[in-house]
Protein backbone atom coordinates (compact mmCIF):
# COMPACT_ATOMS: atom_id res chain seq x y z
CA MET A 1 -12.71 7.54 -13.82
CA LYS A 2 -9.31 7.21 -12.05
CA LYS A 3 -9.45 7.37 -8.19
CA ASP A 4 -6.92 9.35 -6.10
CA VAL A 5 -4.41 7.90 -3.72
CA LYS A 6 -4.70 10.51 -1.11
CA ASP A 7 -2.39 11.22 1.85
CA GLY A 8 -2.91 9.14 4.98
CA VAL A 9 -2.98 5.50 5.92
CA TYR A 10 -2.76 2.63 3.30
CA LEU A 11 -3.87 -0.70 4.50
CA VAL A 12 -2.28 -3.87 3.39
CA ILE A 13 -4.31 -7.02 3.82
CA ASP A 14 -2.51 -10.39 4.10
CA PRO A 15 -4.65 -12.93 2.55
CA ALA A 16 -2.80 -15.65 4.60
CA MET A 17 -4.90 -14.55 7.66
CA GLU A 18 -7.82 -16.76 8.63
CA ARG A 19 -10.94 -15.62 6.82
CA GLY A 20 -13.10 -15.16 9.75
CA PRO A 21 -10.60 -13.07 12.00
CA LEU A 22 -9.62 -11.15 8.91
CA PHE A 23 -13.06 -9.91 8.03
CA GLU A 24 -14.07 -9.37 11.67
CA LYS A 25 -11.03 -6.93 11.87
CA LEU A 26 -11.96 -5.28 8.44
CA ARG A 27 -15.51 -4.65 9.54
CA GLN A 28 -14.16 -2.68 12.46
CA VAL A 29 -12.02 -0.47 10.24
CA PRO A 30 -13.57 2.77 8.98
CA LEU A 31 -12.54 2.03 5.50
CA GLY A 32 -13.53 5.44 4.17
CA ASN A 33 -10.66 6.85 6.33
CA LEU A 34 -8.09 4.83 4.50
CA THR A 35 -6.29 6.16 1.43
CA ALA A 36 -6.07 2.71 -0.23
CA VAL A 37 -6.31 -1.03 0.57
CA GLN A 38 -3.91 -3.45 -1.07
CA LEU A 39 -4.21 -7.18 -1.25
CA TRP A 40 -0.64 -8.53 -0.71
CA ASP A 41 0.61 -11.26 -2.94
CA ASN A 42 0.67 -13.80 -0.29
CA PHE A 43 -2.02 -16.13 -1.55
CA GLY A 44 -0.10 -19.40 -1.35
CA PRO A 45 0.45 -22.09 -3.82
CA ASN A 46 -3.14 -22.02 -5.39
CA GLY A 47 -2.62 -18.62 -6.46
CA VAL A 48 -5.09 -15.57 -6.16
CA ASP A 49 -8.39 -16.25 -4.27
CA ASP A 50 -11.02 -14.77 -6.53
CA THR A 51 -13.64 -15.01 -3.81
CA LEU A 52 -11.42 -13.21 -1.21
CA VAL A 53 -10.76 -10.46 -3.86
CA ALA A 54 -14.56 -10.13 -4.52
CA GLU A 55 -15.43 -9.96 -0.77
CA VAL A 56 -12.72 -7.15 -0.08
CA ALA A 57 -13.93 -5.40 -3.09
CA ALA A 58 -17.37 -5.40 -1.92
CA LEU A 59 -16.41 -3.87 1.44
CA CYS A 60 -14.31 -1.06 -0.05
CA LEU A 61 -16.66 -0.20 -2.92
CA PRO A 62 -19.36 1.74 -0.87
CA TYR A 63 -16.51 3.90 0.71
CA GLY A 64 -14.92 4.75 -2.46
CA VAL A 65 -11.53 3.62 -1.11
CA PRO A 66 -9.20 2.23 -3.98
CA LEU A 67 -8.47 -1.50 -3.84
CA LEU A 68 -5.10 -2.51 -5.26
CA MET A 69 -3.74 -5.94 -6.07
CA ASN A 70 -0.12 -6.72 -5.37
CA ASN A 71 1.64 -7.73 -8.73
CA HIS A 72 -1.48 -9.09 -10.41
CA TRP A 73 -2.19 -6.30 -12.77
CA GLU A 74 -4.56 -8.56 -14.85
CA TYR A 75 -7.03 -7.81 -11.97
CA THR A 76 -7.33 -4.22 -12.89
CA HIS A 77 -10.19 -5.36 -15.16
CA TYR A 78 -11.83 -7.16 -12.20
CA THR A 79 -14.93 -5.53 -10.95
CA GLY A 80 -13.97 -3.42 -7.76
CA VAL A 81 -10.14 -3.59 -8.39
CA ASP A 82 -8.78 -0.12 -9.02
CA GLY A 83 -5.11 -0.68 -9.55
CA VAL A 84 -1.68 -2.60 -8.98
CA HIS A 85 1.21 -2.40 -6.76
CA PHE A 86 4.48 -3.89 -8.12
CA ASP A 87 7.11 -5.14 -5.84
CA GLU A 88 9.78 -4.38 -8.56
CA ILE A 89 10.06 -2.85 -12.03
CA PRO A 90 8.36 -5.17 -14.42
CA THR A 91 10.49 -6.22 -17.35
CA ASP A 92 7.72 -5.78 -19.85
CA PHE A 93 5.90 -2.76 -18.31
CA ASP A 94 5.07 -1.14 -21.67
CA THR A 95 3.29 -4.30 -22.63
CA ILE A 96 1.41 -4.54 -19.40
CA GLN A 97 0.43 -0.90 -19.31
CA SER A 98 -1.15 -1.30 -22.67
CA GLN A 99 -3.27 -4.23 -21.37
CA MET A 100 -4.14 -2.84 -18.09
CA CYS A 101 -7.37 -1.15 -17.48
CA PRO A 102 -6.58 2.59 -18.46
CA THR A 103 -7.88 4.00 -15.22
CA ALA A 104 -5.80 1.68 -13.03
CA ILE A 105 -3.70 3.17 -10.33
CA VAL A 106 -0.07 2.06 -10.38
CA GLY A 107 2.45 2.05 -7.50
CA ILE A 108 5.79 0.44 -6.77
CA THR A 109 7.75 -0.54 -3.75
CA CYS A 110 11.27 0.94 -3.46
CA ASN A 111 14.12 0.00 -1.22
CA ASN A 112 17.38 1.83 -1.20
CA ASP A 113 17.76 1.73 -5.19
CA LEU A 114 16.72 5.24 -6.32
CA THR A 115 16.68 3.74 -10.03
CA VAL A 116 13.24 2.74 -9.00
CA VAL A 117 12.29 6.26 -8.10
CA ARG A 118 13.66 7.63 -11.33
CA TRP A 119 11.88 4.99 -13.31
CA ALA A 120 8.59 5.53 -11.37
CA SER A 121 8.78 9.23 -12.00
CA ALA A 122 9.61 8.82 -15.72
CA HIS A 123 6.63 6.43 -16.22
CA GLN A 124 4.36 8.74 -14.30
CA LEU A 125 3.24 6.23 -11.72
CA ASP A 126 0.87 7.13 -9.08
CA TYR A 127 2.83 6.68 -5.87
CA ILE A 128 6.12 4.98 -4.40
CA SER A 129 6.15 3.10 -1.23
CA PHE A 130 9.38 2.58 0.88
CA CYS A 131 9.98 -0.78 2.60
CA SER A 132 11.18 -1.34 5.26
CA MET A 133 11.52 1.67 7.55
CA PHE A 134 11.81 -0.42 10.62
CA PRO A 135 12.18 -4.08 11.53
CA SER A 136 8.94 -5.83 10.64
CA ALA A 137 7.58 -9.40 10.69
CA THR A 138 5.53 -8.83 7.54
CA ALA A 139 8.09 -6.84 5.58
CA ASN A 140 10.95 -9.32 6.24
CA SER A 141 11.85 -9.59 2.59
CA CYS A 142 12.55 -5.96 2.40
CA ASP A 143 15.97 -4.18 3.13
CA ARG A 144 15.91 -1.36 5.90
CA VAL A 145 15.52 1.85 3.92
CA THR A 146 17.68 4.74 5.17
CA PHE A 147 16.28 8.19 5.84
CA GLU A 148 18.78 9.47 3.43
CA THR A 149 17.27 7.43 0.57
CA VAL A 150 13.88 8.92 1.37
CA LYS A 151 15.17 12.38 1.51
CA GLU A 152 17.05 11.98 -1.73
CA ALA A 153 14.04 10.43 -3.44
CA ARG A 154 11.99 13.63 -2.62
CA THR A 155 14.67 15.68 -4.50
CA LEU A 156 14.12 13.37 -7.44
CA THR A 157 10.24 13.34 -7.80
CA THR A 158 7.10 14.86 -6.85
CA LEU A 159 5.25 11.65 -6.74
CA PRO A 160 3.52 10.74 -3.38
CA LEU A 161 5.85 8.67 -1.08
CA PHE A 162 4.50 6.33 1.37
CA LEU A 163 6.61 4.54 4.10
CA SER A 164 6.15 1.06 5.34
CA GLY A 165 7.48 -1.69 7.50
CA GLY A 166 7.24 -1.89 11.35
CA ILE A 167 5.61 1.55 11.55
CA THR A 168 3.36 2.05 14.71
CA PRO A 169 1.86 4.98 16.43
CA ASP A 170 4.51 4.87 18.86
CA ASN A 171 7.54 5.18 16.44
CA ILE A 172 5.83 7.13 13.68
CA ALA A 173 7.29 10.43 15.15
CA LYS A 174 10.74 9.19 14.29
CA LEU A 175 9.81 9.81 10.63
CA ASN A 176 9.03 13.48 11.18
CA GLU A 177 12.19 14.76 9.50
CA LEU A 178 11.07 13.14 6.21
CA ASP A 179 8.75 14.56 3.60
CA TYR A 180 6.16 11.84 2.81
CA SER A 181 2.49 11.38 1.97
CA GLY A 182 1.58 8.60 4.42
CA VAL A 183 2.23 5.13 5.73
CA ALA A 184 1.35 1.55 4.71
CA VAL A 185 0.41 -0.64 7.51
CA VAL A 186 -0.56 -4.42 7.85
CA SER A 187 -0.35 -5.67 11.50
CA GLY A 188 -0.51 -2.18 12.98
CA ILE A 189 -4.13 -2.12 12.19
CA LEU A 190 -5.24 -5.88 11.50
CA SER A 191 -3.46 -7.24 14.60
CA ALA A 192 -4.60 -4.50 16.76
CA ALA A 193 -7.07 -5.29 19.60
CA GLN A 194 -9.20 -2.29 18.33
CA PRO A 195 -8.42 -1.64 14.70
CA ALA A 196 -10.56 1.47 14.59
CA GLU A 197 -8.59 3.03 17.50
CA SER A 198 -5.32 2.03 16.06
CA LEU A 199 -6.23 3.79 12.55
CA ARG A 200 -7.22 6.86 14.72
CA ALA A 201 -4.00 6.90 16.46
CA TYR A 202 -2.00 6.73 13.09
CA HIS A 203 -4.03 9.69 11.82
CA GLN A 204 -3.53 11.65 14.91
CA LYS A 205 0.29 11.24 14.82
CA LEU A 206 0.50 12.08 11.06
CA ASN A 207 -1.58 15.19 11.47
CA ARG A 208 0.84 16.32 14.26
CA ARG A 209 3.78 16.35 11.84
């Protein structure tokens, strides 16, 4: 059965973080209050760390929170992995789709190119994530997305729209003029001194829109 990507906060995990501090932080996060967890494709020269995937999947599974792999669609057949998030439109998506787990959640990153929005809508993806709304150390490969892009995207699709890149509880109110489903966060939670409090602050601000 396919899981839903609900409105709210979407946590992105950087696998380059030291394993001990990473899991110490993850165990402080109420995972059941997240809309999804994604393993960022930042594994280094040795490729995907299967042990890390398994350990994160084991944390997510009891809470029913979807676990997504960044780009590595073949992991949709891996126990505990619920979908894939693409950084760009795959050139062979029809072939990939035929080989993915049929219940896989599929999302994609969009910058200012609305071609991606049109493509995602036409292919009935599950969500779109815009990167980067604000300057961000973890989203430094993304162009700054204009508010006008997000507004126009909403006229083109009914898919859930997530915003990412440099979003904190202190600046999230600047996004209130936009119609979006939630935010994707890396350091805003995993670099916070109190991850659970940080997640709560995001939810409070989102609920006040």
